[in-house]
Amino acid sequence: MGRKPTITRDSLLDVAEEIVRSGGAGALTIGALAQAAGISKGGVQYSFASRDDLVRGLIDRWTSQFDAMLEGEGAEDPVGFVRRYIAATRSSQQAMNAKMAGLMVGYLEDPANLRETRDWYHGIFARLGASTPQAQAARVAFLAVEGLFLMRINGIDEDGAWTAYLDDVEAILARLVPE
């Protein structure tokens, strides 16, 4: 009978997130993760063969968690979708600080990862593609939230005003398309 593993893939991803939060994307290495988790490099490589695999694991986990927050009734309703998108962005902001966003920027340097991200955005715009005034308002609100995210990646949110700007986007969307 084999030993039950004490370190799981998810627990390694938890430790990896903490490394990125505290030291930035450059601090995340197989060796640093092994040391922080209290296991050998080989133990880490059992779950993640390379740093790229580790980063992909983090991105996949974040994307899955974010996508799960977007599920809900009225999938065909662009305004409802963008309202869920704003709420998901707001609730995920604590997990996604600027250092983690920097990790995502490095992730996008790989053409395959960039293609996957583009496909994700194409799916979003397909959901928001109607030509109604409500869909137009939803697209503009979505683009505003994405602009805020990019500003945050670039460190413009040093004073924490990001959530107030999300409030502004939400308020304007509510004025344009009342619930």
Protein backbone atom coordinates (compact mmCIF):
# COMPACT_ATOMS: atom_id res chain seq x y z
CA MET A 1 0.00 0.00 0.00
CA GLY A 2 1.43 3.39 -1.05
CA ARG A 3 1.87 6.37 1.16
CA LYS A 4 -0.80 9.07 0.99
CA PRO A 5 0.79 12.23 -0.41
CA THR A 6 1.11 15.02 2.11
CA ILE A 7 1.53 17.72 -0.50
CA THR A 8 -1.12 18.04 -3.19
CA ARG A 9 -1.08 19.95 -6.45
CA ASP A 10 -3.57 22.43 -4.98
CA SER A 11 -1.52 22.96 -1.85
CA LEU A 12 1.55 23.61 -4.02
CA LEU A 13 -0.45 26.18 -5.97
CA ASP A 14 -1.45 27.81 -2.65
CA VAL A 15 2.21 28.08 -1.67
CA ALA A 16 3.14 29.33 -5.16
CA GLU A 17 0.53 32.11 -4.90
CA GLU A 18 2.02 33.20 -1.60
CA ILE A 19 5.52 33.26 -3.11
CA VAL A 20 4.30 35.51 -5.93
CA ARG A 21 2.38 37.76 -3.51
CA SER A 22 5.36 38.24 -1.25
CA GLY A 23 8.24 38.20 -3.72
CA GLY A 24 6.77 38.88 -7.15
CA ALA A 25 6.75 36.72 -10.27
CA GLY A 26 10.55 36.48 -10.40
CA ALA A 27 10.63 34.79 -6.98
CA LEU A 28 8.61 31.83 -8.22
CA THR A 29 10.97 28.99 -9.06
CA ILE A 30 10.76 25.23 -8.60
CA GLY A 31 13.47 25.50 -5.93
CA ALA A 32 11.72 28.32 -4.05
CA LEU A 33 8.45 26.40 -4.13
CA ALA A 34 10.12 23.23 -2.90
CA GLN A 35 11.78 25.09 -0.04
CA ALA A 36 8.58 26.90 0.95
CA ALA A 37 6.55 23.68 0.81
CA GLY A 38 9.20 21.72 2.71
CA ILE A 39 9.70 19.12 0.00
CA SER A 40 12.34 18.27 -2.59
CA LYS A 41 12.52 19.80 -6.05
CA GLY A 42 11.62 16.38 -7.38
CA GLY A 43 8.50 16.45 -5.24
CA VAL A 44 7.45 19.69 -6.90
CA GLN A 45 8.36 18.38 -10.33
CA TYR A 46 6.11 15.37 -9.75
CA SER A 47 3.19 17.83 -10.01
CA PHE A 48 4.79 20.52 -12.19
CA ALA A 49 7.55 19.45 -14.56
CA SER A 50 8.76 23.03 -15.09
CA ARG A 51 8.21 26.61 -13.99
CA ASP A 52 6.08 27.10 -17.12
CA ASP A 53 3.85 24.20 -16.02
CA LEU A 54 3.60 25.76 -12.58
CA VAL A 55 2.63 29.17 -13.99
CA ARG A 56 0.09 27.51 -16.30
CA GLY A 57 -1.34 25.72 -13.26
CA LEU A 58 -1.76 29.04 -11.43
CA ILE A 59 -3.34 30.74 -14.45
CA ASP A 60 -5.66 27.78 -15.11
CA ARG A 61 -6.79 27.80 -11.48
CA TRP A 62 -7.42 31.55 -11.46
CA THR A 63 -9.28 31.37 -14.77
CA SER A 64 -11.45 28.46 -13.60
CA GLN A 65 -12.32 30.24 -10.36
CA PHE A 66 -13.11 33.46 -12.21
CA ASP A 67 -15.20 31.69 -14.87
CA ALA A 68 -17.19 29.91 -12.14
CA MET A 69 -18.13 33.32 -10.71
CA LEU A 70 -19.49 34.34 -14.12
CA GLU A 71 -22.00 31.51 -14.33
CA GLY A 72 -25.57 32.41 -13.62
CA GLU A 73 -29.04 32.86 -14.94
CA GLY A 74 -29.64 34.74 -18.15
CA ALA A 75 -26.49 33.69 -19.98
CA GLU A 76 -27.86 35.46 -23.06
CA ASP A 77 -28.30 38.76 -21.18
CA PRO A 78 -25.17 40.88 -21.82
CA VAL A 79 -25.94 43.35 -19.03
CA GLY A 80 -26.47 40.61 -16.45
CA PHE A 81 -23.25 38.97 -17.58
CA VAL A 82 -21.26 42.21 -17.21
CA ARG A 83 -22.79 42.81 -13.79
CA ARG A 84 -21.53 39.34 -12.77
CA TYR A 85 -18.18 40.19 -14.40
CA ILE A 86 -17.87 43.34 -12.30
CA ALA A 87 -18.81 41.41 -9.15
CA ALA A 88 -16.30 38.65 -9.99
CA THR A 89 -13.59 41.22 -10.65
CA ARG A 90 -14.35 42.96 -7.37
CA SER A 91 -14.29 39.73 -5.34
CA SER A 92 -11.16 38.39 -7.03
CA GLN A 93 -9.14 41.57 -6.62
CA GLN A 94 -7.69 40.52 -3.27
CA ALA A 95 -6.32 37.31 -4.74
CA MET A 96 -5.08 39.04 -7.87
CA ASN A 97 -2.70 41.72 -6.75
CA ALA A 98 -0.29 43.50 -9.06
CA LYS A 99 2.48 40.95 -8.50
CA MET A 100 0.24 38.12 -9.65
CA ALA A 101 -0.92 40.16 -12.60
CA GLY A 102 2.73 40.54 -13.53
CA LEU A 103 2.99 36.77 -13.61
CA MET A 104 0.12 36.76 -16.09
CA VAL A 105 1.95 39.21 -18.33
CA GLY A 106 4.91 36.83 -18.52
CA TYR A 107 2.50 33.97 -19.22
CA LEU A 108 1.18 35.81 -22.27
CA GLU A 109 4.64 35.96 -23.83
CA ASP A 110 4.12 32.37 -24.98
CA PRO A 111 2.18 32.41 -28.30
CA ALA A 112 0.05 29.40 -27.29
CA ASN A 113 -0.97 31.08 -24.04
CA LEU A 114 -1.71 34.31 -25.86
CA ARG A 115 -3.91 32.41 -28.34
CA GLU A 116 -5.78 30.76 -25.47
CA THR A 117 -6.35 34.15 -23.85
CA ARG A 118 -7.55 35.65 -27.13
CA ASP A 119 -9.99 32.77 -27.50
CA TRP A 120 -11.31 33.48 -24.00
CA TYR A 121 -11.90 37.14 -24.93
CA HIS A 122 -13.55 36.14 -28.22
CA GLY A 123 -15.98 34.05 -26.14
CA ILE A 124 -16.71 37.04 -23.92
CA PHE A 125 -17.37 39.31 -26.89
CA ALA A 126 -19.60 36.66 -28.47
CA ARG A 127 -21.75 36.84 -25.33
CA LEU A 128 -21.83 40.64 -25.59
CA GLY A 129 -22.30 40.80 -29.37
CA ALA A 130 -25.91 41.90 -29.69
CA SER A 131 -26.57 45.28 -31.29
CA THR A 132 -29.06 46.49 -28.68
CA PRO A 133 -28.38 49.60 -26.59
CA GLN A 134 -28.18 47.34 -23.52
CA ALA A 135 -25.49 45.17 -25.15
CA GLN A 136 -23.58 48.30 -26.18
CA ALA A 137 -23.67 49.57 -22.58
CA ALA A 138 -22.54 46.14 -21.38
CA ARG A 139 -19.59 46.13 -23.82
CA VAL A 140 -18.48 49.59 -22.74
CA ALA A 141 -18.70 48.59 -19.06
CA PHE A 142 -16.72 45.40 -19.77
CA LEU A 143 -14.02 47.39 -21.58
CA ALA A 144 -13.85 49.87 -18.71
CA VAL A 145 -13.32 47.06 -16.19
CA GLU A 146 -10.63 45.52 -18.39
CA GLY A 147 -8.95 48.93 -18.65
CA LEU A 148 -8.94 49.17 -14.86
CA PHE A 149 -7.38 45.71 -14.69
CA LEU A 150 -4.60 46.77 -17.07
CA MET A 151 -4.01 49.93 -15.05
CA ARG A 152 -3.70 47.78 -11.95
CA ILE A 153 -1.19 45.49 -13.65
CA ASN A 154 0.91 48.56 -14.38
CA GLY A 155 0.87 49.64 -10.74
CA ILE A 156 -1.33 52.69 -11.18
CA ASP A 157 -3.55 51.61 -8.26
CA GLU A 158 -1.04 52.33 -5.51
CA ASP A 159 -3.58 54.26 -3.45
CA GLY A 160 -6.31 51.59 -3.71
CA ALA A 161 -8.73 53.68 -5.78
CA TRP A 162 -9.43 50.71 -8.03
CA THR A 163 -12.59 49.64 -6.20
CA ALA A 164 -13.99 53.16 -6.35
CA TYR A 165 -13.53 53.12 -10.11
CA LEU A 166 -15.34 49.78 -10.27
CA ASP A 167 -18.15 51.46 -8.33
CA ASP A 168 -18.23 54.18 -11.00
CA VAL A 169 -18.52 51.64 -13.82
CA GLU A 170 -21.28 49.83 -11.97
CA ALA A 171 -23.18 53.07 -11.27
CA ILE A 172 -23.01 54.21 -14.89
CA LEU A 173 -24.16 50.80 -16.12
CA ALA A 174 -27.09 50.93 -13.66
CA ARG A 175 -28.05 54.39 -14.95
CA LEU A 176 -27.87 53.27 -18.57
CA VAL A 177 -29.65 49.97 -17.99
CA PRO A 178 -31.71 49.95 -14.77
CA GLU A 179 -32.36 46.53 -13.23
